[in-house]
Amino acid sequence: MESPVHTLPSLFKQLGLADDPVSIDRFVAVHSPLKPDLKLADAFFWTPSQKAFLLEEILEDADWAEVVDELNVLLRTGRGVQQP
């Protein structure tokens, strides 16, 4: 059985955030760049439940880990979602 493939919009939806490309780009622009030594889940803008979800997914290398890593990179580089 294959693991589900999650996308950046589905991660934003899972986190209870607007999941359209414009909203994702805006979120990245507002919250980046993160400091190099700051763990993604420790950023000030997450709610406790969002933080817990991110920590769990990263620590357990769970289904969402790859897309959480993608968000981490976006928030460190300050680059939003590439539009087609």
PDB file of N, CA and C in Angstrom:
ATOM      1  N   MET A   1       0.838  -1.179   0.000  1.00  0.00           N
ATOM      2  CA  MET A   1       0.000   0.000   0.000  1.00  0.00           C
ATOM      3  C   MET A   1       0.886   1.246   0.000  1.00  0.00           C
ATOM      4  N   GLU A   2       0.579   2.171  -0.899  1.00  0.00           N
ATOM      5  CA  GLU A   2       1.371   3.388  -1.000  1.00  0.00           C
ATOM      6  C   GLU A   2       0.885   4.438  -0.012  1.00  0.00           C
ATOM      7  N   SER A   3       1.828   5.248   0.448  1.00  0.00           N
ATOM      8  CA  SER A   3       1.473   6.357   1.323  1.00  0.00           C
ATOM      9  C   SER A   3       0.778   7.438   0.508  1.00  0.00           C
ATOM     10  N   PRO A   4      -0.145   8.164   1.117  1.00  0.00           N
ATOM     11  CA  PRO A   4      -0.803   9.242   0.384  1.00  0.00           C
ATOM     12  C   PRO A   4       0.191  10.340   0.028  1.00  0.00           C
ATOM     13  N   VAL A   5      -0.066  10.996  -1.090  1.00  0.00           N
ATOM     14  CA  VAL A   5       0.772  12.112  -1.515  1.00  0.00           C
ATOM     15  C   VAL A   5       0.041  13.394  -1.142  1.00  0.00           C
ATOM     16  N   HIS A   6       0.691  14.205  -0.334  1.00  0.00           N
ATOM     17  CA  HIS A   6       0.088  15.453   0.119  1.00  0.00           C
ATOM     18  C   HIS A   6       0.724  16.624  -0.625  1.00  0.00           C
ATOM     19  N   THR A   7      -0.070  17.658  -0.831  1.00  0.00           N
ATOM     20  CA  THR A   7       0.388  18.864  -1.521  1.00  0.00           C
ATOM     21  C   THR A   7       0.459  20.018  -0.538  1.00  0.00           C
ATOM     22  N   LEU A   8       1.105  21.088  -0.958  1.00  0.00           N
ATOM     23  CA  LEU A   8       1.168  22.280  -0.121  1.00  0.00           C
ATOM     24  C   LEU A   8      -0.234  22.819   0.184  1.00  0.00           C
ATOM     25  N   PRO A   9      -1.122  22.929  -0.816  1.00  0.00           N
ATOM     26  CA  PRO A   9      -2.484  23.378  -0.484  1.00  0.00           C
ATOM     27  C   PRO A   9      -3.191  22.452   0.511  1.00  0.00           C
ATOM     28  N   SER A  10      -2.977  21.142   0.401  1.00  0.00           N
ATOM     29  CA  SER A  10      -3.629  20.237   1.354  1.00  0.00           C
ATOM     30  C   SER A  10      -3.033  20.396   2.753  1.00  0.00           C
ATOM     31  N   LEU A  11      -1.750  20.726   2.854  1.00  0.00           N
ATOM     32  CA  LEU A  11      -1.147  20.996   4.166  1.00  0.00           C
ATOM     33  C   LEU A  11      -1.768  22.248   4.772  1.00  0.00           C
ATOM     34  N   PHE A  12      -1.909  23.297   3.983  1.00  0.00           N
ATOM     35  CA  PHE A  12      -2.520  24.519   4.495  1.00  0.00           C
ATOM     36  C   PHE A  12      -3.954  24.254   4.956  1.00  0.00           C
ATOM     37  N   LYS A  13      -4.678  23.460   4.202  1.00  0.00           N
ATOM     38  CA  LYS A  13      -6.044  23.107   4.593  1.00  0.00           C
ATOM     39  C   LYS A  13      -6.025  22.320   5.907  1.00  0.00           C
ATOM     40  N   GLN A  14      -5.100  21.378   6.029  1.00  0.00           N
ATOM     41  CA  GLN A  14      -4.954  20.578   7.254  1.00  0.00           C
ATOM     42  C   GLN A  14      -4.647  21.476   8.454  1.00  0.00           C
ATOM     43  N   LEU A  15      -3.887  22.538   8.220  1.00  0.00           N
ATOM     44  CA  LEU A  15      -3.527  23.472   9.288  1.00  0.00           C
ATOM     45  C   LEU A  15      -4.628  24.498   9.560  1.00  0.00           C
ATOM     46  N   GLY A  16      -5.704  24.445   8.772  1.00  0.00           N
ATOM     47  CA  GLY A  16      -6.811  25.386   8.973  1.00  0.00           C
ATOM     48  C   GLY A  16      -6.544  26.746   8.368  1.00  0.00           C
ATOM     49  N   LEU A  17      -5.658  26.804   7.381  1.00  0.00           N
ATOM     50  CA  LEU A  17      -5.299  28.057   6.725  1.00  0.00           C
ATOM     51  C   LEU A  17      -5.877  28.091   5.320  1.00  0.00           C
ATOM     52  N   ALA A  18      -6.021  29.292   4.770  1.00  0.00           N
ATOM     53  CA  ALA A  18      -6.467  29.425   3.386  1.00  0.00           C
ATOM     54  C   ALA A  18      -5.496  28.681   2.490  1.00  0.00           C
ATOM     55  N   ASP A  19      -6.025  27.903   1.542  1.00  0.00           N
ATOM     56  CA  ASP A  19      -5.164  26.994   0.782  1.00  0.00           C
ATOM     57  C   ASP A  19      -5.056  27.307  -0.705  1.00  0.00           C
ATOM     58  N   ASP A  20      -5.500  28.486  -1.110  1.00  0.00           N
ATOM     59  CA  ASP A  20      -5.346  28.869  -2.516  1.00  0.00           C
ATOM     60  C   ASP A  20      -3.944  29.444  -2.723  1.00  0.00           C
ATOM     61  N   PRO A  21      -3.435  29.413  -3.959  1.00  0.00           N
ATOM     62  CA  PRO A  21      -2.056  29.860  -4.220  1.00  0.00           C
ATOM     63  C   PRO A  21      -1.760  31.286  -3.761  1.00  0.00           C
ATOM     64  N   VAL A  22      -2.690  32.207  -3.936  1.00  0.00           N
ATOM     65  CA  VAL A  22      -2.458  33.596  -3.524  1.00  0.00           C
ATOM     66  C   VAL A  22      -2.302  33.685  -2.003  1.00  0.00           C
ATOM     67  N   SER A  23      -3.162  32.983  -1.276  1.00  0.00           N
ATOM     68  CA  SER A  23      -3.082  32.997   0.191  1.00  0.00           C
ATOM     69  C   SER A  23      -1.805  32.331   0.686  1.00  0.00           C
ATOM     70  N   ILE A  24      -1.397  31.259   0.031  1.00  0.00           N
ATOM     71  CA  ILE A  24      -0.148  30.588   0.416  1.00  0.00           C
ATOM     72  C   ILE A  24       1.037  31.515   0.168  1.00  0.00           C
ATOM     73  N   ASP A  25       1.062  32.168  -0.994  1.00  0.00           N
ATOM     74  CA  ASP A  25       2.138  33.121  -1.287  1.00  0.00           C
ATOM     75  C   ASP A  25       2.165  34.248  -0.255  1.00  0.00           C
ATOM     76  N   ARG A  26       0.999  34.752   0.108  1.00  0.00           N
ATOM     77  CA  ARG A  26       0.909  35.834   1.085  1.00  0.00           C
ATOM     78  C   ARG A  26       1.424  35.366   2.444  1.00  0.00           C
ATOM     79  N   PHE A  27       1.045  34.154   2.859  1.00  0.00           N
ATOM     80  CA  PHE A  27       1.504  33.595   4.126  1.00  0.00           C
ATOM     81  C   PHE A  27       3.030  33.510   4.143  1.00  0.00           C
ATOM     82  N   VAL A  28       3.612  32.997   3.066  1.00  0.00           N
ATOM     83  CA  VAL A  28       5.069  32.870   2.972  1.00  0.00           C
ATOM     84  C   VAL A  28       5.716  34.251   3.016  1.00  0.00           C
ATOM     85  N   ALA A  29       5.163  35.210   2.281  1.00  0.00           N
ATOM     86  CA  ALA A  29       5.735  36.559   2.249  1.00  0.00           C
ATOM     87  C   ALA A  29       5.692  37.218   3.622  1.00  0.00           C
ATOM     88  N   VAL A  30       4.586  37.051   4.339  1.00  0.00           N
ATOM     89  CA  VAL A  30       4.425  37.682   5.651  1.00  0.00           C
ATOM     90  C   VAL A  30       5.326  37.041   6.709  1.00  0.00           C
ATOM     91  N   HIS A  31       5.519  35.724   6.635  1.00  0.00           N
ATOM     92  CA  HIS A  31       6.198  35.001   7.713  1.00  0.00           C
ATOM     93  C   HIS A  31       7.633  34.585   7.399  1.00  0.00           C
ATOM     94  N   SER A  32       8.186  35.059   6.320  1.00  0.00           N
ATOM     95  CA  SER A  32       9.554  34.668   5.988  1.00  0.00           C
ATOM     96  C   SER A  32      10.443  35.897   5.889  1.00  0.00           C
ATOM     97  N   PRO A  33      11.725  35.708   5.955  1.00  0.00           N
ATOM     98  CA  PRO A  33      12.411  34.429   6.157  1.00  0.00           C
ATOM     99  C   PRO A  33      12.516  34.084   7.642  1.00  0.00           C
ATOM    100  N   LEU A  34      12.429  32.795   7.922  1.00  0.00           N
ATOM    101  CA  LEU A  34      12.659  32.330   9.289  1.00  0.00           C
ATOM    102  C   LEU A  34      14.149  32.371   9.591  1.00  0.00           C
ATOM    103  N   LYS A  35      14.487  32.606  10.845  1.00  0.00           N
ATOM    104  CA  LYS A  35      15.885  32.585  11.257  1.00  0.00           C
ATOM    105  C   LYS A  35      16.436  31.175  11.063  1.00  0.00           C
ATOM    106  N   PRO A  36      17.689  31.052  10.656  1.00  0.00           N
ATOM    107  CA  PRO A  36      18.267  29.727  10.386  1.00  0.00           C
ATOM    108  C   PRO A  36      18.203  28.757  11.564  1.00  0.00           C
ATOM    109  N   ASP A  37      18.318  29.263  12.784  1.00  0.00           N
ATOM    110  CA  ASP A  37      18.345  28.380  13.947  1.00  0.00           C
ATOM    111  C   ASP A  37      16.955  28.117  14.540  1.00  0.00           C
ATOM    112  N   LEU A  38      15.911  28.681  13.947  1.00  0.00           N
ATOM    113  CA  LEU A  38      14.547  28.492  14.436  1.00  0.00           C
ATOM    114  C   LEU A  38      13.906  27.291  13.764  1.00  0.00           C
ATOM    115  N   LYS A  39      13.431  26.348  14.569  1.00  0.00           N
ATOM    116  CA  LYS A  39      12.722  25.194  14.019  1.00  0.00           C
ATOM    117  C   LYS A  39      11.359  25.658  13.524  1.00  0.00           C
ATOM    118  N   LEU A  40      10.923  25.080  12.427  1.00  0.00           N
ATOM    119  CA  LEU A  40       9.654  25.473  11.821  1.00  0.00           C
ATOM    120  C   LEU A  40       8.519  25.482  12.837  1.00  0.00           C
ATOM    121  N   ALA A  41       8.377  24.434  13.596  1.00  0.00           N
ATOM    122  CA  ALA A  41       7.265  24.326  14.545  1.00  0.00           C
ATOM    123  C   ALA A  41       7.361  25.325  15.694  1.00  0.00           C
ATOM    124  N   ASP A  42       8.534  25.917  15.905  1.00  0.00           N
ATOM    125  CA  ASP A  42       8.717  26.882  16.988  1.00  0.00           C
ATOM    126  C   ASP A  42       8.445  28.320  16.576  1.00  0.00           C
ATOM    127  N   ALA A  43       8.072  28.534  15.318  1.00  0.00           N
ATOM    128  CA  ALA A  43       7.768  29.892  14.856  1.00  0.00           C
ATOM    129  C   ALA A  43       6.566  30.431  15.633  1.00  0.00           C
ATOM    130  N   PHE A  44       6.581  31.722  15.900  1.00  0.00           N
ATOM    131  CA  PHE A  44       5.584  32.355  16.759  1.00  0.00           C
ATOM    132  C   PHE A  44       4.165  32.339  16.193  1.00  0.00           C
ATOM    133  N   PHE A  45       4.016  32.168  14.897  1.00  0.00           N
ATOM    134  CA  PHE A  45       2.708  32.343  14.268  1.00  0.00           C
ATOM    135  C   PHE A  45       1.824  31.099  14.270  1.00  0.00           C
ATOM    136  N   TRP A  46       2.331  29.966  14.740  1.00  0.00           N
ATOM    137  CA  TRP A  46       1.503  28.755  14.779  1.00  0.00           C
ATOM    138  C   TRP A  46       0.640  28.732  16.026  1.00  0.00           C
ATOM    139  N   THR A  47      -0.553  28.181  15.902  1.00  0.00           N
ATOM    140  CA  THR A  47      -1.377  27.925  17.082  1.00  0.00           C
ATOM    141  C   THR A  47      -0.813  26.678  17.767  1.00  0.00           C
ATOM    142  N   PRO A  48      -1.197  26.420  19.008  1.00  0.00           N
ATOM    143  CA  PRO A  48      -0.710  25.203  19.663  1.00  0.00           C
ATOM    144  C   PRO A  48      -1.029  23.921  18.880  1.00  0.00           C
ATOM    145  N   SER A  49      -2.210  23.835  18.294  1.00  0.00           N
ATOM    146  CA  SER A  49      -2.564  22.610  17.553  1.00  0.00           C
ATOM    147  C   SER A  49      -1.774  22.510  16.247  1.00  0.00           C
ATOM    148  N   GLN A  50      -1.525  23.635  15.577  1.00  0.00           N
ATOM    149  CA  GLN A  50      -0.706  23.617  14.363  1.00  0.00           C
ATOM    150  C   GLN A  50       0.721  23.189  14.698  1.00  0.00           C
ATOM    151  N   LYS A  51       1.259  23.748  15.782  1.00  0.00           N
ATOM    152  CA  LYS A  51       2.608  23.396  16.220  1.00  0.00           C
ATOM    153  C   LYS A  51       2.709  21.905  16.529  1.00  0.00           C
ATOM    154  N   ALA A  52       1.714  21.376  17.259  1.00  0.00           N
ATOM    155  CA  ALA A  52       1.724  19.959  17.612  1.00  0.00           C
ATOM    156  C   ALA A  52       1.680  19.087  16.357  1.00  0.00           C
ATOM    157  N   PHE A  53       0.855  19.461  15.396  1.00  0.00           N
ATOM    158  CA  PHE A  53       0.765  18.697  14.153  1.00  0.00           C
ATOM    159  C   PHE A  53       2.097  18.696  13.416  1.00  0.00           C
ATOM    160  N   LEU A  54       2.706  19.879  13.266  1.00  0.00           N
ATOM    161  CA  LEU A  54       3.987  19.980  12.555  1.00  0.00           C
ATOM    162  C   LEU A  54       5.064  19.158  13.255  1.00  0.00           C
ATOM    163  N   LEU A  55       5.144  19.269  14.577  1.00  0.00           N
ATOM    164  CA  LEU A  55       6.147  18.509  15.332  1.00  0.00           C
ATOM    165  C   LEU A  55       5.955  17.007  15.144  1.00  0.00           C
ATOM    166  N   GLU A  56       4.722  16.559  15.262  1.00  0.00           N
ATOM    167  CA  GLU A  56       4.431  15.134  15.132  1.00  0.00           C
ATOM    168  C   GLU A  56       4.813  14.617  13.743  1.00  0.00           C
ATOM    169  N   GLU A  57       4.454  15.360  12.731  1.00  0.00           N
ATOM    170  CA  GLU A  57       4.733  14.916  11.363  1.00  0.00           C
ATOM    171  C   GLU A  57       6.234  14.879  11.076  1.00  0.00           C
ATOM    172  N   ILE A  58       6.963  15.850  11.587  1.00  0.00           N
ATOM    173  CA  ILE A  58       8.407  15.894  11.358  1.00  0.00           C
ATOM    174  C   ILE A  58       9.107  14.794  12.164  1.00  0.00           C
ATOM    175  N   LEU A  59       8.779  14.685  13.446  1.00  0.00           N
ATOM    176  CA  LEU A  59       9.452  13.714  14.309  1.00  0.00           C
ATOM    177  C   LEU A  59       9.182  12.274  13.897  1.00  0.00           C
ATOM    178  N   GLU A  60       7.971  12.003  13.435  1.00  0.00           N
ATOM    179  CA  GLU A  60       7.624  10.642  13.060  1.00  0.00           C
ATOM    180  C   GLU A  60       7.891  10.353  11.590  1.00  0.00           C
ATOM    181  N   ASP A  61       8.415  11.333  10.867  1.00  0.00           N
ATOM    182  CA  ASP A  61       8.642  11.195   9.428  1.00  0.00           C
ATOM    183  C   ASP A  61       7.383  10.613   8.780  1.00  0.00           C
ATOM    184  N   ALA A  62       6.258  11.199   9.141  1.00  0.00           N
ATOM    185  CA  ALA A  62       4.947  10.700   8.734  1.00  0.00           C
ATOM    186  C   ALA A  62       4.604  11.142   7.306  1.00  0.00           C
ATOM    187  N   ASP A  63       3.385  10.807   6.905  1.00  0.00           N
ATOM    188  CA  ASP A  63       2.916  11.090   5.545  1.00  0.00           C
ATOM    189  C   ASP A  63       3.103  12.547   5.126  1.00  0.00           C
ATOM    190  N   TRP A  64       2.938  13.447   6.062  1.00  0.00           N
ATOM    191  CA  TRP A  64       2.991  14.871   5.748  1.00  0.00           C
ATOM    192  C   TRP A  64       4.419  15.423   5.779  1.00  0.00           C
ATOM    193  N   ALA A  65       5.403  14.656   6.186  1.00  0.00           N
ATOM    194  CA  ALA A  65       6.762  15.176   6.409  1.00  0.00           C
ATOM    195  C   ALA A  65       7.352  15.851   5.178  1.00  0.00           C
ATOM    196  N   GLU A  66       7.154  15.260   4.016  1.00  0.00           N
ATOM    197  CA  GLU A  66       7.751  15.831   2.796  1.00  0.00           C
ATOM    198  C   GLU A  66       7.200  17.224   2.495  1.00  0.00           C
ATOM    199  N   VAL A  67       5.902  17.391   2.599  1.00  0.00           N
ATOM    200  CA  VAL A  67       5.312  18.701   2.307  1.00  0.00           C
ATOM    201  C   VAL A  67       5.583  19.692   3.441  1.00  0.00           C
ATOM    202  N   VAL A  68       5.726  19.213   4.676  1.00  0.00           N
ATOM    203  CA  VAL A  68       6.138  20.092   5.778  1.00  0.00           C
ATOM    204  C   VAL A  68       7.554  20.605   5.504  1.00  0.00           C
ATOM    205  N   ASP A  69       8.425  19.737   5.000  1.00  0.00           N
ATOM    206  CA  ASP A  69       9.777  20.172   4.611  1.00  0.00           C
ATOM    207  C   ASP A  69       9.716  21.215   3.502  1.00  0.00           C
ATOM    208  N   GLU A  70       8.802  21.026   2.560  1.00  0.00           N
ATOM    209  CA  GLU A  70       8.640  21.996   1.467  1.00  0.00           C
ATOM    210  C   GLU A  70       8.243  23.364   2.030  1.00  0.00           C
ATOM    211  N   LEU A  71       7.312  23.382   2.962  1.00  0.00           N
ATOM    212  CA  LEU A  71       6.904  24.634   3.597  1.00  0.00           C
ATOM    213  C   LEU A  71       8.076  25.254   4.352  1.00  0.00           C
ATOM    214  N   ASN A  72       8.853  24.433   5.031  1.00  0.00           N
ATOM    215  CA  ASN A  72      10.026  24.912   5.756  1.00  0.00           C
ATOM    216  C   ASN A  72      10.983  25.638   4.810  1.00  0.00           C
ATOM    217  N   VAL A  73      11.244  25.047   3.665  1.00  0.00           N
ATOM    218  CA  VAL A  73      12.142  25.669   2.676  1.00  0.00           C
ATOM    219  C   VAL A  73      11.551  26.988   2.184  1.00  0.00           C
ATOM    220  N   LEU A  74      10.272  26.994   1.868  1.00  0.00           N
ATOM    221  CA  LEU A  74       9.635  28.224   1.395  1.00  0.00           C
ATOM    222  C   LEU A  74       9.744  29.343   2.423  1.00  0.00           C
ATOM    223  N   LEU A  75       9.534  29.008   3.691  1.00  0.00           N
ATOM    224  CA  LEU A  75       9.589  30.023   4.738  1.00  0.00           C
ATOM    225  C   LEU A  75      11.017  30.476   5.035  1.00  0.00           C
ATOM    226  N   ARG A  76      11.982  29.710   4.652  1.00  0.00           N
ATOM    227  CA  ARG A  76      13.376  30.123   4.852  1.00  0.00           C
ATOM    228  C   ARG A  76      13.904  30.928   3.676  1.00  0.00           C
ATOM    229  N   THR A  77      13.405  30.642   2.488  1.00  0.00           N
ATOM    230  CA  THR A  77      13.873  31.365   1.305  1.00  0.00           C
ATOM    231  C   THR A  77      12.996  32.565   0.974  1.00  0.00           C
ATOM    232  N   GLY A  78      11.764  32.567   1.503  1.00  0.00           N
ATOM    233  CA  GLY A  78      10.857  33.669   1.217  1.00  0.00           C
ATOM    234  C   GLY A  78      10.224  33.588  -0.155  1.00  0.00           C
ATOM    235  N   ARG A  79      10.324  32.443  -0.772  1.00  0.00           N
ATOM    236  CA  ARG A  79       9.733  32.266  -2.105  1.00  0.00           C
ATOM    237  C   ARG A  79       8.410  31.554  -1.984  1.00  0.00           C
ATOM    238  N   GLY A  80       7.406  32.093  -2.654  1.00  0.00           N
ATOM    239  CA  GLY A  80       6.071  31.505  -2.627  1.00  0.00           C
ATOM    240  C   GLY A  80       5.938  30.373  -3.614  1.00  0.00           C
ATOM    241  N   VAL A  81       4.736  29.959  -3.799  1.00  0.00           N
ATOM    242  CA  VAL A  81       4.386  28.875  -4.704  1.00  0.00           C
ATOM    243  C   VAL A  81       4.590  29.350  -6.138  1.00  0.00           C
ATOM    244  N   GLN A  82       5.173  28.511  -6.954  1.00  0.00           N
ATOM    245  CA  GLN A  82       5.370  28.846  -8.360  1.00  0.00           C
ATOM    246  C   GLN A  82       4.056  28.686  -9.114  1.00  0.00           C
ATOM    247  N   GLN A  83       3.644  29.729  -9.787  1.00  0.00           N
ATOM    248  CA  GLN A  83       2.418  29.678 -10.573  1.00  0.00           C
ATOM    249  C   GLN A  83       2.699  29.084 -11.941  1.00  0.00           C
ATOM    250  N   PRO A  84       1.772  28.265 -12.468  1.00  0.00           N
ATOM    251  CA  PRO A  84       1.985  27.670 -13.804  1.00  0.00           C
ATOM    252  C   PRO A  84       1.934  28.711 -14.908  1.00  0.00           C
TER     253      PRO A  84
END
